């Protein structure tokens, strides 16, 4: 009986270790989920006359908050935006739709643009990363996962792709 219990406990411990390895492998080397949404392109910022107006998710736009407008990212999602020339990054909440200028992938609040040091230039090349594990609730996480699946070829073996604006 003792041999049986020890064997069972050993097998249970090994399976737990293997499970931990499998879970750890779901993360990429930078700690982000392999099913993150990644978009690269030109970002701009907005503020001024839009300050105080209602955004797409019903909030009042505040240029002093770290927010952004996107046509494709789910409202309420959290994204990390990195200025590709300086390496500076900022986490923003997607709370509006836009930009409505051809070739732009994101419209940042003035506060977010300031963190990226792009106020003087007005635009900047950015990389947007949206990790499903870093979302405010399950509903938004599921929308990000669905978008990641579409972006990554829908599980057809094509591998991870990065959406890039032309």
N, C-alpha and C. Protein backbone atom coordinates (compact mmCIF):
# COMPACT_ATOMS: atom_id res chain seq x y z
N UNK A 1 0.82 -1.19 0.00
CA UNK A 1 0.00 0.00 0.00
C UNK A 1 0.87 1.25 0.00
N UNK A 2 1.93 1.25 0.80
CA UNK A 2 2.80 2.41 0.90
C UNK A 2 3.44 2.72 -0.45
N UNK A 3 3.86 1.70 -1.20
CA UNK A 3 4.46 1.88 -2.52
C UNK A 3 3.46 2.52 -3.47
N UNK A 4 2.23 2.09 -3.39
CA UNK A 4 1.18 2.63 -4.25
C UNK A 4 0.97 4.13 -3.98
N UNK A 5 0.91 4.52 -2.68
CA UNK A 5 0.69 5.93 -2.32
C UNK A 5 1.87 6.77 -2.78
N UNK A 6 3.09 6.31 -2.54
CA UNK A 6 4.28 7.05 -2.96
C UNK A 6 4.29 7.19 -4.48
N UNK A 7 3.99 6.14 -5.20
CA UNK A 7 3.96 6.20 -6.67
C UNK A 7 2.90 7.18 -7.15
N UNK A 8 1.73 7.15 -6.52
CA UNK A 8 0.65 8.05 -6.90
C UNK A 8 1.04 9.51 -6.64
N UNK A 9 1.62 9.77 -5.46
CA UNK A 9 2.03 11.14 -5.11
C UNK A 9 3.13 11.61 -6.05
N UNK A 10 4.08 10.74 -6.38
CA UNK A 10 5.15 11.09 -7.31
C UNK A 10 4.57 11.40 -8.68
N UNK A 11 3.66 10.56 -9.16
CA UNK A 11 3.03 10.79 -10.46
C UNK A 11 2.24 12.09 -10.46
N UNK A 12 1.54 12.35 -9.38
CA UNK A 12 0.77 13.58 -9.27
C UNK A 12 1.70 14.79 -9.29
N UNK A 13 2.80 14.72 -8.57
CA UNK A 13 3.78 15.81 -8.54
C UNK A 13 4.38 16.06 -9.90
N UNK A 14 4.73 14.99 -10.62
CA UNK A 14 5.30 15.14 -11.96
C UNK A 14 4.30 15.73 -12.93
N UNK A 15 3.05 15.29 -12.85
CA UNK A 15 2.05 15.84 -13.77
C UNK A 15 1.82 17.32 -13.47
N UNK A 16 1.88 17.70 -12.19
CA UNK A 16 1.76 19.12 -11.83
C UNK A 16 2.91 19.93 -12.38
N UNK A 17 4.12 19.37 -12.31
CA UNK A 17 5.29 20.07 -12.85
C UNK A 17 5.17 20.23 -14.36
N UNK A 18 4.71 19.18 -15.03
CA UNK A 18 4.53 19.27 -16.48
C UNK A 18 3.45 20.27 -16.85
N UNK A 19 2.37 20.31 -16.07
CA UNK A 19 1.31 21.28 -16.32
C UNK A 19 1.84 22.69 -16.15
N UNK A 20 2.64 22.92 -15.11
CA UNK A 20 3.24 24.24 -14.89
C UNK A 20 4.12 24.65 -16.05
N UNK A 21 4.85 23.70 -16.62
CA UNK A 21 5.69 23.98 -17.78
C UNK A 21 4.83 24.35 -18.98
N UNK A 22 3.75 23.62 -19.18
CA UNK A 22 2.87 23.92 -20.32
C UNK A 22 2.25 25.30 -20.18
N UNK A 23 1.84 25.66 -18.97
CA UNK A 23 1.26 26.98 -18.75
C UNK A 23 2.31 28.05 -18.98
N UNK A 24 3.51 27.84 -18.49
CA UNK A 24 4.57 28.83 -18.68
C UNK A 24 4.89 29.02 -20.15
N UNK A 25 4.77 27.98 -20.95
CA UNK A 25 5.09 28.09 -22.37
C UNK A 25 4.05 28.87 -23.15
N UNK A 26 2.89 29.11 -22.55
CA UNK A 26 1.88 29.92 -23.23
C UNK A 26 2.27 31.39 -23.25
N UNK A 27 3.25 31.77 -22.47
CA UNK A 27 3.73 33.15 -22.44
C UNK A 27 4.96 33.26 -23.33
N UNK A 28 5.11 34.38 -24.00
CA UNK A 28 6.29 34.59 -24.82
C UNK A 28 7.43 35.04 -23.91
N UNK A 29 8.61 35.25 -24.48
CA UNK A 29 9.78 35.58 -23.69
C UNK A 29 9.64 36.92 -22.97
N UNK A 30 8.79 37.84 -23.46
CA UNK A 30 8.61 39.13 -22.80
C UNK A 30 7.50 39.10 -21.76
N UNK A 31 6.94 37.90 -21.49
CA UNK A 31 5.91 37.77 -20.47
C UNK A 31 4.50 38.03 -20.97
N UNK A 32 4.37 38.41 -22.21
CA UNK A 32 3.04 38.67 -22.77
C UNK A 32 2.47 37.37 -23.31
N UNK A 33 1.18 37.31 -23.34
CA UNK A 33 0.48 36.15 -23.86
C UNK A 33 0.77 36.00 -25.35
N UNK A 34 0.96 34.76 -25.82
CA UNK A 34 1.21 34.52 -27.24
C UNK A 34 0.03 34.92 -28.10
N UNK A 35 -1.14 35.06 -27.50
CA UNK A 35 -2.31 35.43 -28.29
C UNK A 35 -2.62 36.92 -28.18
N UNK A 36 -1.58 37.73 -27.97
CA UNK A 36 -1.75 39.18 -27.94
C UNK A 36 -2.04 39.71 -29.32
N UNK A 37 -2.76 40.82 -29.37
CA UNK A 37 -3.00 41.54 -30.61
C UNK A 37 -1.86 42.54 -30.76
N UNK A 38 -1.24 42.58 -31.94
CA UNK A 38 -0.15 43.52 -32.20
C UNK A 38 -0.47 44.28 -33.48
N UNK A 39 -0.42 45.60 -33.39
CA UNK A 39 -0.68 46.47 -34.54
C UNK A 39 0.45 47.49 -34.62
N UNK A 40 0.99 47.69 -35.80
CA UNK A 40 2.01 48.71 -36.00
C UNK A 40 1.52 49.71 -37.03
N UNK A 41 1.87 50.96 -36.82
CA UNK A 41 1.48 52.00 -37.76
C UNK A 41 1.68 53.38 -37.16
N UNK A 42 1.05 54.36 -37.77
CA UNK A 42 1.20 55.76 -37.36
C UNK A 42 0.08 56.14 -36.39
N UNK A 43 0.46 56.77 -35.29
CA UNK A 43 -0.51 57.27 -34.32
C UNK A 43 -0.48 58.79 -34.33
N UNK A 44 -1.62 59.36 -34.00
CA UNK A 44 -1.74 60.81 -33.84
C UNK A 44 -2.38 61.05 -32.47
N UNK A 45 -2.65 62.32 -32.16
CA UNK A 45 -3.34 62.58 -30.89
C UNK A 45 -4.41 63.64 -31.11
N UNK A 46 -5.35 63.65 -30.17
CA UNK A 46 -6.42 64.64 -30.25
C UNK A 46 -6.75 65.18 -28.88
N UNK A 47 -7.38 66.32 -28.87
CA UNK A 47 -7.75 67.00 -27.63
C UNK A 47 -8.50 68.26 -28.00
N UNK A 48 -8.18 69.35 -27.32
CA UNK A 48 -8.78 70.64 -27.65
C UNK A 48 -10.28 70.63 -27.71
N UNK A 49 -10.83 70.82 -28.90
CA UNK A 49 -12.29 70.95 -29.07
C UNK A 49 -13.04 69.67 -28.70
N UNK A 50 -12.35 68.53 -28.63
CA UNK A 50 -13.01 67.27 -28.27
C UNK A 50 -13.11 67.08 -26.75
N UNK A 51 -12.35 67.89 -26.01
CA UNK A 51 -12.35 67.76 -24.55
C UNK A 51 -13.76 67.98 -24.00
N UNK A 52 -14.24 67.03 -23.22
CA UNK A 52 -15.57 67.11 -22.62
C UNK A 52 -16.67 66.48 -23.45
N UNK A 53 -16.38 66.18 -24.71
CA UNK A 53 -17.39 65.53 -25.56
C UNK A 53 -17.50 64.06 -25.20
N UNK A 54 -18.64 63.48 -25.53
CA UNK A 54 -18.89 62.07 -25.24
C UNK A 54 -18.08 61.18 -26.20
N UNK A 55 -17.43 60.16 -25.64
CA UNK A 55 -16.69 59.19 -26.46
C UNK A 55 -17.62 58.05 -26.86
N UNK A 56 -17.12 57.14 -27.67
CA UNK A 56 -17.93 56.02 -28.17
C UNK A 56 -18.46 55.12 -27.06
N UNK A 57 -17.74 55.04 -25.93
CA UNK A 57 -18.24 54.19 -24.85
C UNK A 57 -19.07 54.97 -23.83
N UNK A 58 -19.36 56.24 -24.12
CA UNK A 58 -20.24 57.03 -23.27
C UNK A 58 -19.54 57.92 -22.25
N UNK A 59 -18.23 57.74 -22.07
CA UNK A 59 -17.48 58.59 -21.15
C UNK A 59 -17.25 59.96 -21.78
N UNK A 60 -17.00 60.95 -20.92
CA UNK A 60 -16.59 62.26 -21.44
C UNK A 60 -15.09 62.18 -21.74
N UNK A 61 -14.71 62.68 -22.92
CA UNK A 61 -13.30 62.69 -23.28
C UNK A 61 -12.56 63.68 -22.40
N UNK A 62 -11.44 63.23 -21.85
CA UNK A 62 -10.58 64.07 -21.03
C UNK A 62 -9.16 63.92 -21.56
N UNK A 63 -8.66 64.98 -22.17
CA UNK A 63 -7.33 64.92 -22.78
C UNK A 63 -6.22 64.69 -21.77
N UNK A 64 -6.53 64.81 -20.47
CA UNK A 64 -5.53 64.61 -19.42
C UNK A 64 -5.47 63.16 -18.95
N UNK A 65 -6.37 62.32 -19.46
CA UNK A 65 -6.36 60.89 -19.10
C UNK A 65 -5.63 60.09 -20.18
N UNK A 66 -5.16 58.91 -19.80
CA UNK A 66 -4.42 58.04 -20.72
C UNK A 66 -5.41 57.16 -21.48
N UNK A 67 -5.94 57.71 -22.57
CA UNK A 67 -6.94 57.02 -23.37
C UNK A 67 -6.57 57.09 -24.84
N UNK A 68 -7.32 56.33 -25.65
CA UNK A 68 -7.07 56.33 -27.09
C UNK A 68 -8.32 55.92 -27.85
N UNK A 69 -8.32 56.27 -29.13
CA UNK A 69 -9.39 55.87 -30.04
C UNK A 69 -8.82 54.89 -31.05
N UNK A 70 -9.56 53.81 -31.29
CA UNK A 70 -9.16 52.79 -32.25
C UNK A 70 -10.39 52.32 -33.01
N UNK A 71 -10.21 52.02 -34.28
CA UNK A 71 -11.33 51.49 -35.07
C UNK A 71 -11.52 50.00 -34.85
N UNK A 72 -10.45 49.29 -34.46
CA UNK A 72 -10.57 47.84 -34.37
C UNK A 72 -10.43 47.23 -32.99
N UNK A 73 -9.78 47.91 -32.06
CA UNK A 73 -9.62 47.35 -30.72
C UNK A 73 -10.92 47.51 -29.93
N UNK A 74 -11.24 46.53 -29.09
CA UNK A 74 -12.49 46.60 -28.32
C UNK A 74 -12.53 47.79 -27.36
N UNK A 75 -13.69 48.43 -27.28
CA UNK A 75 -13.86 49.50 -26.31
C UNK A 75 -13.67 48.92 -24.91
N UNK A 76 -12.97 49.66 -24.07
CA UNK A 76 -12.70 49.22 -22.71
C UNK A 76 -11.41 48.43 -22.57
N UNK A 77 -10.79 48.06 -23.69
CA UNK A 77 -9.55 47.28 -23.60
C UNK A 77 -8.38 48.17 -23.20
N UNK A 78 -7.37 47.54 -22.64
CA UNK A 78 -6.14 48.22 -22.26
C UNK A 78 -5.06 47.82 -23.24
N UNK A 79 -4.33 48.82 -23.74
CA UNK A 79 -3.28 48.56 -24.73
C UNK A 79 -1.99 49.24 -24.30
N UNK A 80 -0.87 48.61 -24.62
CA UNK A 80 0.44 49.23 -24.41
C UNK A 80 0.88 49.79 -25.75
N UNK A 81 1.16 51.08 -25.78
CA UNK A 81 1.57 51.75 -27.01
C UNK A 81 3.03 52.15 -26.85
N UNK A 82 3.87 51.72 -27.80
CA UNK A 82 5.30 52.02 -27.75
C UNK A 82 5.70 52.84 -28.96
N UNK A 83 6.35 53.97 -28.72
CA UNK A 83 6.90 54.82 -29.78
C UNK A 83 8.09 54.06 -30.35
N UNK A 84 8.03 53.69 -31.61
CA UNK A 84 9.06 52.81 -32.17
C UNK A 84 10.41 53.48 -32.36
N UNK A 85 10.47 54.79 -32.35
CA UNK A 85 11.76 55.47 -32.52
C UNK A 85 12.44 55.77 -31.19
N UNK A 86 11.65 55.99 -30.14
CA UNK A 86 12.24 56.35 -28.84
C UNK A 86 12.19 55.21 -27.82
N UNK A 87 11.31 54.24 -28.05
CA UNK A 87 11.15 53.14 -27.10
C UNK A 87 10.26 53.49 -25.91
N UNK A 88 9.79 54.74 -25.84
CA UNK A 88 8.90 55.13 -24.74
C UNK A 88 7.55 54.45 -24.92
N UNK A 89 6.93 54.08 -23.79
CA UNK A 89 5.63 53.41 -23.90
C UNK A 89 4.66 53.93 -22.84
N UNK A 90 3.38 53.69 -23.11
CA UNK A 90 2.32 54.11 -22.21
C UNK A 90 1.16 53.12 -22.32
N UNK A 91 0.50 52.86 -21.20
CA UNK A 91 -0.70 52.03 -21.21
C UNK A 91 -1.91 52.94 -21.33
N UNK A 92 -2.80 52.63 -22.26
CA UNK A 92 -4.00 53.44 -22.49
C UNK A 92 -5.24 52.57 -22.47
N UNK A 93 -6.36 53.23 -22.19
CA UNK A 93 -7.67 52.58 -22.26
C UNK A 93 -8.32 53.01 -23.57
N UNK A 94 -8.82 52.04 -24.34
CA UNK A 94 -9.52 52.35 -25.58
C UNK A 94 -10.96 52.72 -25.20
N UNK A 95 -11.30 54.00 -25.42
CA UNK A 95 -12.64 54.46 -25.04
C UNK A 95 -13.36 55.20 -26.16
N UNK A 96 -12.75 55.22 -27.35
CA UNK A 96 -13.38 55.96 -28.45
C UNK A 96 -13.04 55.28 -29.78
N UNK A 97 -13.73 55.70 -30.82
CA UNK A 97 -13.50 55.18 -32.16
C UNK A 97 -12.77 56.23 -32.99
N UNK A 98 -11.93 55.77 -33.87
CA UNK A 98 -11.11 56.63 -34.70
C UNK A 98 -9.77 55.94 -34.84
N UNK A 99 -8.79 56.55 -35.41
CA UNK A 99 -8.80 57.86 -36.07
C UNK A 99 -9.47 57.78 -37.44
N UNK A 100 -9.86 58.92 -37.92
CA UNK A 100 -10.53 58.99 -39.22
C UNK A 100 -9.66 59.65 -40.27
N UNK A 101 -8.36 59.48 -40.11
CA UNK A 101 -7.38 59.95 -41.09
C UNK A 101 -6.73 58.72 -41.69
N UNK A 102 -6.70 58.64 -43.00
CA UNK A 102 -6.14 57.47 -43.68
C UNK A 102 -4.69 57.22 -43.24
N UNK A 103 -4.39 55.95 -42.99
CA UNK A 103 -3.03 55.56 -42.63
C UNK A 103 -2.73 55.62 -41.15
N UNK A 104 -3.66 56.07 -40.35
CA UNK A 104 -3.45 56.14 -38.90
C UNK A 104 -4.12 54.94 -38.23
N UNK A 105 -3.45 54.41 -37.21
CA UNK A 105 -3.98 53.24 -36.51
C UNK A 105 -4.53 53.56 -35.12
N UNK A 106 -4.17 54.73 -34.59
CA UNK A 106 -4.58 55.07 -33.22
C UNK A 106 -4.58 56.58 -33.06
N UNK A 107 -5.55 57.08 -32.31
CA UNK A 107 -5.61 58.48 -31.91
C UNK A 107 -5.49 58.52 -30.40
N UNK A 108 -4.43 59.09 -29.91
CA UNK A 108 -4.15 59.13 -28.47
C UNK A 108 -4.67 60.42 -27.84
N UNK A 109 -4.96 60.36 -26.56
CA UNK A 109 -5.25 61.59 -25.82
C UNK A 109 -3.96 62.39 -25.73
N UNK A 110 -4.09 63.67 -25.44
CA UNK A 110 -2.91 64.53 -25.34
C UNK A 110 -1.96 64.03 -24.25
N UNK A 111 -2.53 63.56 -23.13
CA UNK A 111 -1.69 63.06 -22.03
C UNK A 111 -0.87 61.85 -22.46
N UNK A 112 -1.49 60.94 -23.20
CA UNK A 112 -0.77 59.75 -23.68
C UNK A 112 0.30 60.15 -24.69
N UNK A 113 -0.03 61.09 -25.58
CA UNK A 113 0.94 61.56 -26.57
C UNK A 113 2.13 62.22 -25.89
N UNK A 114 1.86 62.93 -24.81
CA UNK A 114 2.93 63.59 -24.06
C UNK A 114 3.88 62.55 -23.47
N UNK A 115 3.32 61.46 -22.93
CA UNK A 115 4.15 60.38 -22.36
C UNK A 115 5.06 59.76 -23.42
N UNK A 116 4.58 59.75 -24.67
CA UNK A 116 5.37 59.19 -25.77
C UNK A 116 6.29 60.23 -26.40
N UNK A 117 6.22 61.46 -25.91
CA UNK A 117 7.04 62.56 -26.42
C UNK A 117 6.81 62.79 -27.92
N UNK A 118 5.52 62.86 -28.31
CA UNK A 118 5.19 63.06 -29.72
C UNK A 118 4.36 64.31 -29.97
N UNK A 119 4.25 65.17 -28.97
CA UNK A 119 3.43 66.38 -29.11
C UNK A 119 3.97 67.28 -30.22
N UNK A 120 5.27 67.52 -30.24
CA UNK A 120 5.84 68.43 -31.24
C UNK A 120 5.68 67.91 -32.66
N UNK A 121 5.87 66.60 -32.85
CA UNK A 121 5.77 66.02 -34.20
C UNK A 121 4.32 65.81 -34.62
N UNK A 122 3.43 65.59 -33.68
CA UNK A 122 2.02 65.38 -33.99
C UNK A 122 1.64 63.94 -34.30
N UNK A 123 2.57 63.20 -34.85
CA UNK A 123 2.36 61.78 -35.14
C UNK A 123 3.63 61.02 -34.78
N UNK A 124 3.49 59.70 -34.69
CA UNK A 124 4.65 58.86 -34.40
C UNK A 124 4.38 57.44 -34.83
N UNK A 125 5.45 56.74 -35.26
CA UNK A 125 5.29 55.31 -35.54
C UNK A 125 5.18 54.56 -34.22
N UNK A 126 4.16 53.72 -34.10
CA UNK A 126 3.93 53.03 -32.83
C UNK A 126 3.70 51.54 -33.04
N UNK A 127 3.91 50.83 -31.96
CA UNK A 127 3.55 49.42 -31.88
C UNK A 127 2.53 49.32 -30.75
N UNK A 128 1.36 48.77 -31.06
CA UNK A 128 0.28 48.63 -30.09
C UNK A 128 0.17 47.16 -29.73
N UNK A 129 0.25 46.85 -28.44
CA UNK A 129 0.13 45.47 -27.97
C UNK A 129 -1.03 45.38 -26.98
N UNK A 130 -1.91 44.42 -27.24
CA UNK A 130 -3.07 44.22 -26.38
C UNK A 130 -3.03 42.78 -25.89
N UNK A 131 -2.75 42.60 -24.61
CA UNK A 131 -2.63 41.29 -23.99
C UNK A 131 -3.98 40.90 -23.38
N UNK A 132 -4.57 39.78 -23.80
CA UNK A 132 -5.86 39.37 -23.25
C UNK A 132 -5.84 39.22 -21.73
N UNK A 133 -4.69 38.84 -21.18
CA UNK A 133 -4.58 38.63 -19.74
C UNK A 133 -4.55 39.94 -18.95
N UNK A 134 -4.44 41.07 -19.64
CA UNK A 134 -4.33 42.37 -18.98
C UNK A 134 -5.55 43.24 -19.29
N UNK A 135 -6.74 42.64 -19.21
CA UNK A 135 -7.97 43.36 -19.54
C UNK A 135 -8.83 43.52 -18.29
N UNK A 136 -9.70 44.54 -18.28
CA UNK A 136 -10.47 44.85 -17.07
C UNK A 136 -11.56 43.84 -16.71
N UNK A 137 -12.02 43.05 -17.69
CA UNK A 137 -13.06 42.06 -17.38
C UNK A 137 -13.08 40.96 -18.43
N UNK A 138 -13.84 39.91 -18.16
CA UNK A 138 -13.89 38.74 -19.05
C UNK A 138 -14.45 39.07 -20.42
N UNK A 139 -15.44 39.94 -20.48
CA UNK A 139 -16.06 40.29 -21.76
C UNK A 139 -15.03 40.93 -22.70
N UNK A 140 -14.26 41.88 -22.19
CA UNK A 140 -13.24 42.54 -23.00
C UNK A 140 -12.13 41.55 -23.35
N UNK A 141 -11.74 40.72 -22.37
CA UNK A 141 -10.69 39.72 -22.63
C UNK A 141 -11.10 38.80 -23.78
N UNK A 142 -12.35 38.35 -23.78
CA UNK A 142 -12.84 37.47 -24.85
C UNK A 142 -12.82 38.17 -26.20
N UNK A 143 -13.16 39.44 -26.24
CA UNK A 143 -13.12 40.20 -27.50
C UNK A 143 -11.69 40.33 -28.01
N UNK A 144 -10.75 40.55 -27.09
CA UNK A 144 -9.34 40.64 -27.48
C UNK A 144 -8.85 39.29 -27.99
N UNK A 145 -9.24 38.20 -27.32
CA UNK A 145 -8.85 36.86 -27.77
C UNK A 145 -9.41 36.57 -29.16
N UNK A 146 -10.66 36.96 -29.42
CA UNK A 146 -11.26 36.77 -30.74
C UNK A 146 -10.50 37.55 -31.81
N UNK A 147 -10.14 38.79 -31.49
CA UNK A 147 -9.39 39.62 -32.44
C UNK A 147 -8.01 39.02 -32.70
N UNK A 148 -7.37 38.51 -31.64
CA UNK A 148 -6.05 37.89 -31.78
C UNK A 148 -6.14 36.65 -32.67
N UNK A 149 -7.20 35.87 -32.49
CA UNK A 149 -7.38 34.67 -33.31
C UNK A 149 -7.54 35.05 -34.79
N UNK A 150 -8.31 36.08 -35.06
CA UNK A 150 -8.48 36.55 -36.45
C UNK A 150 -7.16 37.05 -37.01
N UNK A 151 -6.44 37.83 -36.20
CA UNK A 151 -5.16 38.39 -36.63
C UNK A 151 -4.12 37.30 -36.87
N UNK A 152 -4.17 36.26 -36.07
CA UNK A 152 -3.18 35.19 -36.16
C UNK A 152 -3.59 34.09 -37.12
N UNK A 153 -4.51 34.37 -38.00
CA UNK A 153 -4.89 33.42 -39.03
C UNK A 153 -5.97 32.45 -38.62
N UNK A 154 -6.64 32.69 -37.52
CA UNK A 154 -7.75 31.84 -37.10
C UNK A 154 -7.34 30.42 -36.77
N UNK A 155 -6.09 30.24 -36.35
CA UNK A 155 -5.63 28.90 -35.97
C UNK A 155 -5.37 28.00 -37.16
N UNK A 156 -5.04 28.58 -38.32
CA UNK A 156 -4.82 27.77 -39.52
C UNK A 156 -3.36 27.41 -39.74
N UNK A 157 -2.54 27.65 -38.70
CA UNK A 157 -1.14 27.26 -38.80
C UNK A 157 -0.25 28.29 -39.45
N UNK A 158 -0.77 29.45 -39.78
CA UNK A 158 0.04 30.48 -40.42
C UNK A 158 0.98 31.17 -39.43
N UNK A 159 0.71 31.03 -38.15
CA UNK A 159 1.55 31.66 -37.16
C UNK A 159 1.12 33.08 -36.87
N UNK A 160 1.83 33.69 -35.95
CA UNK A 160 1.47 35.04 -35.51
C UNK A 160 1.83 36.07 -36.57
N UNK A 161 0.89 36.91 -36.86
CA UNK A 161 1.12 37.99 -37.81
C UNK A 161 0.96 39.31 -37.08
N UNK A 162 1.61 40.32 -37.58
CA UNK A 162 1.45 41.65 -37.04
C UNK A 162 0.71 42.48 -38.05
N UNK A 163 -0.39 43.07 -37.63
CA UNK A 163 -1.14 43.95 -38.53
C UNK A 163 -0.33 45.23 -38.69
N UNK A 164 -0.16 45.68 -39.90
CA UNK A 164 0.60 46.88 -40.15
C UNK A 164 -0.17 47.76 -41.12
N UNK A 165 -0.32 49.02 -40.75
CA UNK A 165 -1.04 49.95 -41.62
C UNK A 165 -0.16 50.30 -42.81
N UNK A 166 -0.78 50.46 -43.95
CA UNK A 166 -0.03 50.84 -45.16
C UNK A 166 0.22 52.32 -45.22
